[in-house]
Protein backbone atom coordinates (compact mmCIF):
# COMPACT_ATOMS: atom_id res chain seq x y z
CA MET A 1 -22.17 -26.21 -8.16
CA PRO A 2 -21.42 -24.56 -4.79
CA TYR A 3 -23.37 -21.47 -3.86
CA GLN A 4 -21.18 -18.36 -3.92
CA PHE A 5 -21.41 -15.52 -1.41
CA ASP A 6 -19.47 -12.29 -1.77
CA LEU A 7 -18.56 -12.34 1.94
CA LEU A 8 -18.76 -14.92 4.72
CA ILE A 9 -18.08 -13.86 8.33
CA ARG A 10 -17.53 -16.95 10.45
CA GLY A 11 -17.93 -17.50 14.18
CA ALA A 12 -18.82 -13.99 15.34
CA MET A 13 -20.95 -13.18 18.36
CA LEU A 14 -23.96 -11.63 16.62
CA LEU A 15 -25.74 -8.70 18.26
CA ASP A 16 -28.56 -8.13 15.81
CA GLY A 17 -29.56 -4.65 17.00
CA SER A 18 -32.90 -5.70 18.49
CA GLY A 19 -31.57 -5.65 22.05
CA ARG A 20 -31.83 -9.41 22.54
CA PRO A 21 -28.80 -11.39 23.77
CA GLY A 22 -26.11 -12.27 21.26
CA TRP A 23 -25.47 -15.69 19.77
CA ARG A 24 -22.60 -17.22 17.87
CA ALA A 25 -23.26 -17.69 14.17
CA ASP A 26 -22.00 -17.09 10.66
CA LEU A 27 -23.29 -14.34 8.39
CA ALA A 28 -23.10 -14.20 4.61
CA VAL A 29 -23.42 -11.22 2.27
CA GLN A 30 -24.40 -11.23 -1.38
CA ALA A 31 -24.91 -8.17 -3.64
CA GLY A 32 -24.70 -5.75 -0.73
CA LYS A 33 -27.34 -7.44 1.40
CA ILE A 34 -27.36 -9.95 4.24
CA ALA A 35 -28.06 -13.23 2.48
CA ALA A 36 -27.89 -15.84 5.25
CA ILE A 37 -27.39 -16.12 9.02
CA GLY A 38 -26.72 -19.34 10.92
CA ASP A 39 -24.38 -22.30 10.79
CA LEU A 40 -22.80 -21.89 7.37
CA ALA A 41 -19.89 -24.26 7.90
CA ALA A 42 -20.96 -26.78 5.29
CA ALA A 43 -18.15 -27.62 2.89
CA GLU A 44 -20.17 -26.71 -0.20
CA ILE A 45 -20.71 -23.14 1.04
CA GLN A 46 -18.06 -20.88 -0.43
CA ALA A 47 -17.45 -17.16 -0.57
CA ALA A 48 -15.12 -14.78 -2.37
CA THR A 49 -13.97 -13.45 1.02
CA VAL A 50 -14.04 -15.34 4.31
CA VAL A 51 -13.44 -13.55 7.62
CA ASP A 52 -12.62 -15.42 10.82
CA ALA A 53 -14.43 -13.44 13.51
CA GLN A 54 -13.77 -15.67 16.52
CA GLY A 55 -13.79 -13.56 19.72
CA LEU A 56 -15.35 -10.56 17.98
CA VAL A 57 -18.84 -9.06 17.95
CA LEU A 58 -20.67 -8.46 14.69
CA ALA A 59 -23.36 -5.77 14.81
CA PRO A 60 -25.31 -3.64 12.36
CA GLY A 61 -23.39 -0.54 11.29
CA PHE A 62 -23.96 2.28 13.75
CA ILE A 63 -26.33 5.10 12.81
CA ASP A 64 -25.25 8.56 13.95
CA VAL A 65 -28.61 10.27 14.34
CA HIS A 66 -27.22 13.68 15.24
CA THR A 67 -24.51 15.05 12.97
CA HIS A 68 -23.53 18.27 11.26
CA ASP A 69 -21.88 16.40 8.41
CA ASP A 70 -24.11 18.03 5.76
CA LEU A 71 -21.21 19.45 3.76
CA GLU A 72 -18.47 17.25 5.21
CA VAL A 73 -19.76 14.25 3.27
CA LEU A 74 -19.10 16.29 0.11
CA ARG A 75 -15.82 17.95 1.14
CA ASN A 76 -14.23 14.85 2.68
CA PRO A 77 -16.23 11.87 1.44
CA GLN A 78 -13.86 9.37 3.04
CA MET A 79 -15.52 10.25 6.39
CA LEU A 80 -12.81 8.62 8.48
CA ALA A 81 -14.06 10.21 11.71
CA LYS A 82 -17.26 8.20 11.38
CA LEU A 83 -16.05 5.01 9.70
CA SER A 84 -13.41 4.55 12.39
CA GLN A 85 -16.17 4.40 15.02
CA GLY A 86 -18.22 1.83 13.13
CA VAL A 87 -20.71 4.42 11.87
CA THR A 88 -22.19 3.53 8.47
CA THR A 89 -25.06 6.07 8.27
CA VAL A 90 -25.24 9.74 9.29
CA ILE A 91 -28.32 11.92 9.77
CA THR A 92 -27.65 15.53 8.72
CA GLY A 93 -29.68 18.74 8.95
CA ASN A 94 -29.94 18.83 12.75
CA CYS A 95 -30.47 21.81 15.09
CA GLY A 96 -32.32 23.83 12.48
CA ILE A 97 -29.32 24.09 10.16
CA SER A 98 -29.07 22.20 6.89
CA ALA A 99 -27.25 22.43 3.59
CA ALA A 100 -30.54 22.34 1.69
CA PRO A 101 -32.85 23.76 0.68
CA VAL A 102 -30.99 27.06 1.07
CA ARG A 103 -30.98 30.33 -0.89
CA LEU A 104 -28.68 32.81 0.85
CA THR A 105 -28.40 36.43 -0.24
CA ALA A 106 -26.17 37.63 2.59
CA GLU A 107 -23.61 36.23 5.03
CA VAL A 108 -24.13 32.78 6.53
CA PRO A 109 -26.13 33.29 9.74
CA ASP A 110 -25.06 31.74 13.03
CA PRO A 111 -25.09 28.76 13.62
CA MET A 112 -25.24 27.78 9.94
CA ASN A 113 -21.60 28.92 9.84
CA LEU A 114 -20.81 25.69 11.67
CA LEU A 115 -21.42 23.88 8.37
CA GLY A 116 -19.46 26.05 5.95
CA GLN A 117 -19.07 29.34 4.11
CA CYS A 118 -21.59 31.14 1.93
CA ALA A 119 -20.33 29.56 -1.29
CA ASP A 120 -20.86 26.09 0.20
CA PHE A 121 -24.63 26.63 0.39
CA CYS A 122 -25.34 26.02 -3.28
CA TYR A 123 -28.34 23.68 -3.07
CA PRO A 124 -31.57 25.68 -3.51
CA ALA A 125 -33.58 22.47 -3.77
CA PHE A 126 -33.30 19.44 -1.51
CA ALA A 127 -33.00 17.24 -4.59
CA ASP A 128 -29.86 19.18 -5.57
CA TYR A 129 -28.22 18.17 -2.29
CA ALA A 130 -29.31 14.54 -2.60
CA ALA A 131 -27.84 14.41 -6.10
CA ALA A 132 -24.59 15.96 -4.86
CA VAL A 133 -24.29 13.29 -2.16
CA ASP A 134 -24.79 10.50 -4.65
CA ALA A 135 -22.27 12.11 -7.02
CA ALA A 136 -19.67 12.39 -4.24
CA GLN A 137 -20.41 8.84 -3.09
CA PRO A 138 -19.23 9.25 0.49
CA ALA A 139 -18.05 6.26 2.48
CA VAL A 140 -21.18 6.40 4.67
CA ASN A 141 -24.88 6.57 3.91
CA VAL A 142 -26.56 9.96 4.30
CA ALA A 143 -30.13 10.87 5.24
CA ALA A 144 -31.13 14.47 5.88
CA LEU A 145 -33.52 16.72 7.76
CA VAL A 146 -34.52 20.23 6.66
CA GLY A 147 -33.44 23.01 9.04
CA HIS A 148 -35.89 25.64 10.28
CA THR A 149 -33.14 28.28 10.49
CA ALA A 150 -32.04 27.39 6.96
CA LEU A 151 -35.59 28.05 5.74
CA ARG A 152 -35.75 31.33 7.67
CA ALA A 153 -32.43 32.49 6.21
CA SER A 154 -33.73 31.68 2.73
CA THR A 155 -36.95 33.69 3.04
CA MET A 156 -36.54 36.45 5.64
CA ASP A 157 -34.63 39.73 5.54
CA ARG A 158 -34.02 39.64 9.30
CA LEU A 159 -34.00 36.69 11.68
CA ASP A 160 -34.49 38.62 14.91
CA ARG A 161 -38.28 38.55 14.56
CA ALA A 162 -41.18 36.23 13.92
CA ALA A 163 -41.90 35.24 10.33
CA THR A 164 -44.89 36.84 8.63
CA PRO A 165 -47.73 34.70 7.24
CA VAL A 166 -46.33 35.20 3.74
CA GLU A 167 -42.86 34.10 4.86
CA ILE A 168 -44.28 31.07 6.65
CA SER A 169 -46.10 30.14 3.46
CA GLN A 170 -42.85 30.40 1.50
CA MET A 171 -40.98 28.28 4.03
CA ARG A 172 -43.75 25.73 4.08
CA ALA A 173 -43.63 25.40 0.30
CA MET A 174 -39.88 24.78 0.50
CA LEU A 175 -40.41 22.16 3.22
CA GLU A 176 -43.18 20.41 1.26
CA ALA A 177 -40.97 20.23 -1.82
CA ALA A 178 -38.07 18.84 0.26
CA LEU A 179 -40.32 16.21 1.83
CA ALA A 180 -41.44 15.15 -1.63
CA GLN A 181 -37.76 14.83 -2.56
CA GLY A 182 -36.92 12.54 0.38
CA ALA A 183 -36.19 14.73 3.42
CA LEU A 184 -36.68 12.94 6.74
CA GLY A 185 -38.50 15.85 8.34
CA LEU A 186 -37.96 19.24 9.97
CA SER A 187 -35.39 20.18 12.60
CA SER A 188 -35.26 23.31 14.74
CA GLY A 189 -32.60 25.03 16.81
CA LEU A 190 -34.71 27.37 18.91
CA ALA A 191 -31.95 28.08 21.43
CA TYR A 192 -29.98 30.04 18.82
CA HIS A 193 -30.71 33.73 18.43
CA ASN A 194 -31.51 33.41 14.70
CA ALA A 195 -34.41 31.07 15.53
CA ASN A 196 -35.26 32.07 19.08
CA ARG A 197 -37.68 34.80 18.02
CA ALA A 198 -39.79 32.27 16.14
CA PRO A 199 -42.90 31.70 18.28
CA ALA A 200 -44.48 28.30 18.70
CA ALA A 201 -47.19 29.34 16.23
CA GLU A 202 -44.57 29.79 13.49
CA LEU A 203 -43.27 26.26 14.00
CA LEU A 204 -46.78 24.82 14.21
CA ALA A 205 -47.81 26.38 10.89
CA LEU A 206 -44.54 25.49 9.16
CA ALA A 207 -44.48 21.89 10.39
CA ALA A 208 -48.05 21.07 9.35
CA PRO A 209 -47.00 19.08 6.23
CA LEU A 210 -44.98 16.59 8.31
CA SER A 211 -47.91 14.41 9.28
CA ALA A 212 -49.22 13.69 5.79
CA ALA A 213 -45.67 12.95 4.64
CA GLY A 214 -44.98 10.51 7.48
CA ALA A 215 -42.04 12.70 8.52
CA ILE A 216 -40.60 13.63 11.92
CA TYR A 217 -39.77 16.73 13.94
CA THR A 218 -36.46 17.01 15.78
CA THR A 219 -35.54 19.94 17.98
CA HIS A 220 -32.66 21.58 19.78
CA LEU A 221 -34.94 22.89 22.54
CA ARG A 222 -35.59 26.57 23.10
CA THR A 223 -33.56 26.19 26.26
CA GLU A 224 -31.71 23.34 27.97
CA PHE A 225 -31.16 25.45 31.09
CA ASP A 226 -33.65 26.37 33.85
CA GLY A 227 -36.67 26.51 31.54
CA ILE A 228 -36.14 23.05 30.09
CA LEU A 229 -39.55 21.67 31.15
CA ASP A 230 -41.36 24.53 29.40
CA ALA A 231 -39.18 23.96 26.32
CA LEU A 232 -39.97 20.25 26.37
CA THR A 233 -43.67 21.04 26.67
CA GLU A 234 -43.48 23.30 23.61
CA ALA A 235 -41.81 20.55 21.57
CA ALA A 236 -44.14 17.80 22.74
CA ASP A 237 -47.22 19.97 22.20
CA LEU A 238 -46.23 20.52 18.56
CA GLY A 239 -45.86 16.79 18.01
CA GLU A 240 -49.16 16.01 19.70
CA ALA A 241 -51.04 18.71 17.78
CA LEU A 242 -49.72 17.52 14.42
CA LYS A 243 -49.60 13.81 15.29
CA VAL A 244 -45.93 13.54 14.33
CA PRO A 245 -43.03 11.87 16.18
CA VAL A 246 -40.72 14.21 18.08
CA VAL A 247 -37.01 13.63 18.74
CA VAL A 248 -35.36 15.92 21.30
CA SER A 249 -31.81 16.57 20.21
CA HIS A 250 -28.84 16.02 22.55
CA LEU A 251 -30.97 15.88 25.69
CA LYS A 252 -29.20 17.51 28.63
CA CYS A 253 -29.60 19.61 31.77
CA ALA A 254 -27.24 22.50 31.03
CA GLY A 255 -25.83 24.92 33.57
CA VAL A 256 -24.81 24.35 37.17
CA ALA A 257 -28.19 25.55 38.49
CA ASN A 258 -29.85 22.86 36.39
CA TRP A 259 -27.69 19.92 37.48
CA GLY A 260 -29.56 17.01 38.99
CA ARG A 261 -32.86 17.71 37.21
CA SER A 262 -32.58 14.70 34.91
CA ALA A 263 -35.13 12.82 37.03
CA GLU A 264 -37.71 15.59 36.40
CA VAL A 265 -36.97 15.54 32.70
CA LEU A 266 -37.31 11.76 32.50
CA ASP A 267 -40.62 11.97 34.41
CA PHE A 268 -41.82 14.36 31.71
CA PHE A 269 -40.85 11.88 28.99
CA ALA A 270 -42.55 9.02 30.83
CA ALA A 271 -45.81 10.94 31.07
CA ARG A 272 -45.87 12.24 27.51
CA ARG A 273 -44.77 8.95 25.95
CA GLN A 274 -48.03 7.40 27.16
CA GLN A 275 -49.86 9.54 24.62
CA GLN A 276 -47.40 10.37 21.85
CA ALA A 277 -44.18 9.36 20.07
CA LEU A 278 -41.38 11.16 21.91
CA SER A 279 -37.72 10.14 22.04
CA CYS A 280 -34.28 11.73 22.27
CA ASP A 281 -30.65 11.42 21.33
CA CYS A 282 -27.66 11.90 23.62
CA TYR A 283 -23.91 12.11 23.31
CA PRO A 284 -21.72 10.44 25.97
CA TYR A 285 -19.89 13.48 27.35
CA SER A 286 -20.53 16.12 30.01
CA ALA A 287 -19.40 18.98 27.76
CA SER A 288 -21.21 20.51 24.80
CA SER A 289 -19.81 22.29 21.75
CA SER A 290 -21.19 24.99 19.46
CA THR A 291 -20.63 28.58 18.48
CA LEU A 292 -19.68 30.97 21.27
CA ASP A 293 -22.92 32.42 22.64
CA LEU A 294 -23.07 35.37 25.05
CA ALA A 295 -26.19 33.88 26.63
CA GLN A 296 -24.14 30.87 27.75
CA VAL A 297 -21.09 32.75 29.00
CA THR A 298 -20.60 32.13 32.72
CA GLY A 299 -17.89 31.66 35.29
CA ASP A 300 -19.60 28.58 36.71
CA PHE A 301 -17.72 26.16 34.45
CA ASP A 302 -14.86 26.12 31.95
CA ILE A 303 -15.46 27.45 28.43
CA PHE A 304 -12.80 26.38 25.95
CA ILE A 305 -12.39 28.45 22.77
CA THR A 306 -11.91 26.29 19.67
CA TRP A 307 -11.76 29.02 17.00
CA SER A 308 -12.21 32.77 16.63
CA GLU A 309 -12.43 34.77 13.42
CA PRO A 310 -11.20 38.12 14.81
CA GLU A 311 -8.74 36.57 17.33
CA PRO A 312 -7.51 33.29 15.79
CA THR A 313 -4.49 33.06 18.12
CA MET A 314 -6.85 32.64 21.08
CA ALA A 315 -8.04 29.23 19.86
CA GLY A 316 -7.12 26.44 22.25
CA ARG A 317 -7.44 28.55 25.39
CA LEU A 318 -9.98 28.93 28.18
CA LEU A 319 -12.22 31.99 27.99
CA ALA A 320 -11.36 32.83 31.62
CA GLU A 321 -7.63 32.90 30.82
CA ILE A 322 -8.23 35.14 27.81
CA ALA A 323 -10.36 37.54 29.86
CA ALA A 324 -7.68 37.69 32.55
CA ASP A 325 -5.00 38.49 29.96
CA TRP A 326 -7.20 41.20 28.47
CA HIS A 327 -8.20 42.56 31.90
CA CYS A 328 -11.89 42.43 31.06
CA SER A 329 -15.04 40.51 31.99
CA LEU A 330 -15.97 37.16 30.50
CA PRO A 331 -18.81 38.66 28.39
CA GLU A 332 -16.49 41.40 27.11
CA ALA A 333 -13.86 38.85 26.11
CA ALA A 334 -16.47 36.67 24.45
CA ALA A 335 -17.86 39.59 22.45
CA ARG A 336 -14.35 40.44 21.24
CA LEU A 337 -13.78 36.81 20.16
CA MET A 338 -17.04 36.38 18.23
CA PRO A 339 -17.80 34.83 15.86
CA ALA A 340 -16.10 31.92 17.54
CA GLY A 341 -16.53 28.31 18.61
CA ALA A 342 -16.52 26.93 22.14
CA VAL A 343 -16.71 23.80 24.26
CA TYR A 344 -18.86 24.30 27.36
CA HIS A 345 -18.12 22.04 30.33
CA GLY A 346 -21.59 22.72 31.68
CA MET A 347 -23.19 19.33 32.30
CA ASN A 348 -23.31 16.95 35.26
CA GLU A 349 -22.01 13.42 34.69
CA ALA A 350 -24.83 11.79 36.69
CA ASP A 351 -27.40 13.49 34.44
CA VAL A 352 -25.53 12.33 31.34
CA GLN A 353 -25.64 8.75 32.57
CA ARG A 354 -29.36 8.86 33.39
CA PHE A 355 -30.20 10.16 29.93
CA LEU A 356 -28.03 7.55 28.25
CA GLN A 357 -29.81 4.83 30.22
CA ALA A 358 -33.30 5.87 29.13
CA PRO A 359 -34.66 3.03 26.96
CA TYR A 360 -35.78 5.49 24.25
CA SER A 361 -32.49 7.44 24.01
CA MET A 362 -30.38 7.01 20.89
CA VAL A 363 -26.69 7.78 20.45
CA GLY A 364 -25.64 10.78 18.37
CA SER A 365 -22.23 12.39 18.15
CA ASP A 366 -23.20 16.03 17.45
CA GLY A 367 -19.62 16.47 16.20
CA LEU A 368 -18.51 19.58 14.32
CA PRO A 369 -16.18 18.52 11.50
CA CYS A 370 -15.24 22.08 10.52
CA ASP A 371 -13.96 22.91 13.99
CA PRO A 372 -10.14 23.11 14.02
CA GLN A 373 -10.17 21.84 17.64
CA PRO A 374 -13.25 19.62 17.62
CA HIS A 375 -14.98 18.13 20.61
CA PRO A 376 -13.73 14.51 20.95
CA ARG A 377 -17.28 13.28 20.32
CA LEU A 378 -16.64 13.78 16.60
CA TRP A 379 -14.25 10.80 16.63
CA GLY A 380 -15.17 9.00 19.86
CA ALA A 381 -18.88 8.99 20.70
CA PHE A 382 -19.83 5.45 19.70
CA PRO A 383 -16.80 3.55 21.04
CA ARG A 384 -17.10 5.60 24.24
CA VAL A 385 -20.60 4.22 24.78
CA LEU A 386 -19.42 0.66 24.08
CA GLY A 387 -16.25 0.90 26.14
CA HIS A 388 -16.55 3.44 28.94
CA TYR A 389 -20.27 3.41 29.66
CA CYS A 390 -21.21 -0.17 28.74
CA ARG A 391 -18.17 -2.32 29.53
CA ASP A 392 -16.48 -0.24 32.25
CA LEU A 393 -19.37 1.45 34.08
CA GLN A 394 -21.95 -1.21 33.14
CA LEU A 395 -24.76 1.31 32.67
CA PHE A 396 -26.39 -1.22 30.35
CA GLY A 397 -25.58 -4.47 28.63
CA LEU A 398 -23.89 -4.66 25.26
CA PRO A 399 -27.08 -5.74 23.43
CA GLU A 400 -28.86 -2.60 24.67
CA ALA A 401 -25.89 -0.38 23.79
CA VAL A 402 -25.93 -1.71 20.22
CA HIS A 403 -29.71 -1.31 20.06
CA LYS A 404 -29.36 2.41 20.90
CA MET A 405 -27.02 2.81 17.93
CA THR A 406 -28.82 0.68 15.36
CA ALA A 407 -32.39 -0.66 15.29
CA LEU A 408 -33.82 2.02 17.58
CA SER A 409 -32.30 4.73 15.41
CA ALA A 410 -33.38 3.11 12.14
CA ALA A 411 -36.96 2.79 13.40
CA ASN A 412 -37.15 6.36 14.71
CA PHE A 413 -35.79 7.84 11.49
CA ASN A 414 -37.63 5.48 9.13
CA LEU A 415 -34.49 3.91 7.66
CA ALA A 416 -36.04 0.75 6.26
CA GLY A 417 -33.82 -2.27 5.70
CA ARG A 418 -31.09 -1.06 8.06
CA GLY A 419 -30.25 -1.28 11.74
CA LEU A 420 -30.72 -5.05 12.12
CA LEU A 421 -28.81 -8.19 11.25
CA GLN A 422 -31.60 -9.77 9.26
CA GLU A 423 -31.71 -11.56 5.96
CA GLY A 424 -32.60 -9.16 3.17
CA TYR A 425 -31.31 -6.11 5.06
CA GLN A 426 -28.48 -3.97 3.73
CA ALA A 427 -25.07 -5.25 4.79
CA ASP A 428 -24.02 -2.26 6.89
CA LEU A 429 -21.84 -4.10 9.41
CA VAL A 430 -19.28 -3.44 12.13
CA LEU A 431 -16.98 -6.06 13.62
CA PHE A 432 -15.42 -5.08 16.96
CA ASP A 433 -13.60 -6.47 19.97
CA PRO A 434 -15.83 -5.97 23.03
CA ALA A 435 -12.85 -6.21 25.38
CA LEU A 436 -10.76 -3.58 23.57
CA VAL A 437 -13.20 -1.14 22.00
CA ARG A 438 -12.78 2.36 23.39
CA ASP A 439 -12.52 5.99 22.39
CA THR A 440 -9.02 7.46 22.16
CA ALA A 441 -10.00 11.03 21.21
CA THR A 442 -9.56 13.54 24.05
CA PHE A 443 -10.22 17.25 24.51
CA THR A 444 -6.52 17.98 24.01
CA SER A 445 -5.99 15.44 21.19
CA PRO A 446 -9.44 15.10 19.63
CA VAL A 447 -8.55 13.62 16.23
CA ALA A 448 -7.92 9.93 16.88
CA CYS A 449 -9.36 6.68 15.61
CA ALA A 450 -11.07 4.41 18.11
CA ALA A 451 -9.46 1.24 19.40
CA GLY A 452 -11.09 -2.14 18.92
CA ILE A 453 -12.98 -1.52 15.67
CA ALA A 454 -11.79 -4.36 13.45
CA SER A 455 -13.78 -3.95 10.22
CA VAL A 456 -16.63 -1.90 8.80
CA TRP A 457 -18.71 -2.74 5.74
CA VAL A 458 -21.05 -0.24 4.07
CA ASN A 459 -23.65 -1.78 1.75
CA GLY A 460 -21.55 -4.94 1.76
CA VAL A 461 -18.29 -3.20 0.83
CA LEU A 462 -15.28 -3.37 3.14
CA SER A 463 -14.67 0.31 3.93
CA TYR A 464 -12.50 0.29 7.08
CA GLN A 465 -10.13 -2.31 8.50
CA GLN A 466 -7.65 -2.33 11.39
CA GLY A 467 -7.27 1.40 11.79
CA ALA A 468 -7.44 2.59 8.20
CA ALA A 469 -10.00 3.30 5.51
CA THR A 470 -9.79 0.99 2.53
CA GLY A 471 -10.43 3.88 0.15
CA VAL A 472 -13.48 2.19 -1.34
CA ARG A 473 -16.59 4.32 -0.77
CA ALA A 474 -20.01 2.69 -1.00
CA GLY A 475 -22.35 5.09 0.79
CA ARG A 476 -25.52 6.46 -0.78
CA PHE A 477 -28.24 9.00 -0.14
CA LEU A 478 -31.20 7.51 1.75
CA PRO A 479 -34.57 9.14 1.04
CA ARG A 480 -37.37 9.06 3.59
CA LEU A 481 -39.89 6.25 3.57
CA SER A 482 -43.38 7.14 4.76
CA SER A 483 -44.05 5.85 8.27
CA ASN A 484 -45.19 7.39 11.53
CA ASN A 485 -44.15 4.50 13.73
CA LEU A 486 -41.47 4.81 16.37
CA GLN A 487 -39.92 1.74 17.95
CA GLU A 488 -38.74 1.53 21.52
C-alpha cells in the first residue's frame, strides 16, 4: 500500500535556513511536520496535495524577531500583514512593552499605548496571555518576551524614577513566574522616558533570574544617538555579568550627527562577541517609527506624523509643515500633537546596509499594527530584504538572507524544531519566486501585500496562497525551551 503524505512539494530549490547553497529536491509533510526531503518521484509515493514548485524557492517560514503584535494576534488573528511576507512566527513583547504580565491601575503609559488601550491589558499573568493566544489561534505562531516597562507600570506609582528594592522584588517575582510559564526572556526600552530613569542596577537586579531559566535579554538601547557606544556597553555588561545572551533591538545609528558610525558599532560587537553571546536585529529601512518624542524632535530630517490624539486631522503630514502652519517651533508643535505617532527619517542608508550585512544580524519588522498610517516595514520588511537588498543590491546571497530570517532567529530565541528544512521539524514553509519577490508597501501606501510570495504553510497547513489568506489558521503559542546557546 503506497505511503501517504499530507503534502508533497516537488522540484523546488530548497534553501534550508542554514546558510548553505540551495539544491533542488522534493519535500513531504505529514501531520504538520517535515517527513521527508530528497528525490520523492517514485510512483508509489503519493500525497493528498501535490505542489509543482519548479522555478520557486522553498524556505523555512520566516521568523519576525521584533514585533509589537502582542495584541494584534488576538484582535486580528488572520495576521495578513505577516503571512503575506512569508512570516510564520512572531516574537512579541519587544522594547520593554508587552501585553503580559500587566496589572494597570491608571492610563496606559507611553509607549505601551502602541499596543492598545487600557482595557486591552487584561492578562495579569503570562499564562493568561498564552492561553488567550491559543484560544484565538492566530494564523502565525507566537512567542513572547516580558517587557521591563510593563513590569514597572504594574508595580510603580510613578515611572519617572528608579524602582525601590521592594518594587524590584515585586517585578522580579512577576518575571520569574512568567519565565516558568514560557516567556522567552526580558526586554527593555530604556530610550523611552517611562524606562529611562531605571539605572543599570535596576535592570541587573531584575534580570538575575534569566540565567537559571536559560532565557535571553533584548534591549532597545538607552540611546541610539551620540551615546550609542555607552548604551551598548551597558547592555553587554548586563549580559556578561549574568551570563545571558543579549539581543540589541533594531540596531541603528540615529541622528545626522551619528551617521557613518556603523563601523565603530560593529567593532564593538566584534570585540564583545569574543567573550559573550551578543547579536542584533535590524529592519531594512532608513526611517524609524514610534511615538512622537520631544527628545527626538529636530529639523535635521523629516518627521512624519502618523496619528495624534488631540489633533487627529494632522495625521499624514510632516511636523515641519504643521509647525509652519501654526507659526510655532517644531518642539511646540510636537507638544501640541502629543500623544502622537511619528516616522523619523533619521538614519543613513550606508549604515543600514552595514548592519544588515553583519553575520549575526537577524531581520525584524518592528511594525506597529495599531498605527493608522504604519511604517511600510509592517507589510514589507522580509520581501524587501529578499528583493531590494539581496537580489538587486547583492549585499549578500540568497542563502544568507534566508538564514537571517530563519535558523539564526530560531537559534537565538530558542525556538526548537523551527527555522530549518529538516526532517522532524515543524512544517513552517514559504514558497517564493526569487526573481519576483519584492515589497510593495510604501510610506504613502503602506498597506500592501508583497509580490512573489506564492504559498505559506504554518504547521503544515496552507495559510496563504497567491495574494490571499486561505482563512485557515494554524498558529500556536510557543513556550520557551531552556538553552543558553546562540548560533551564528
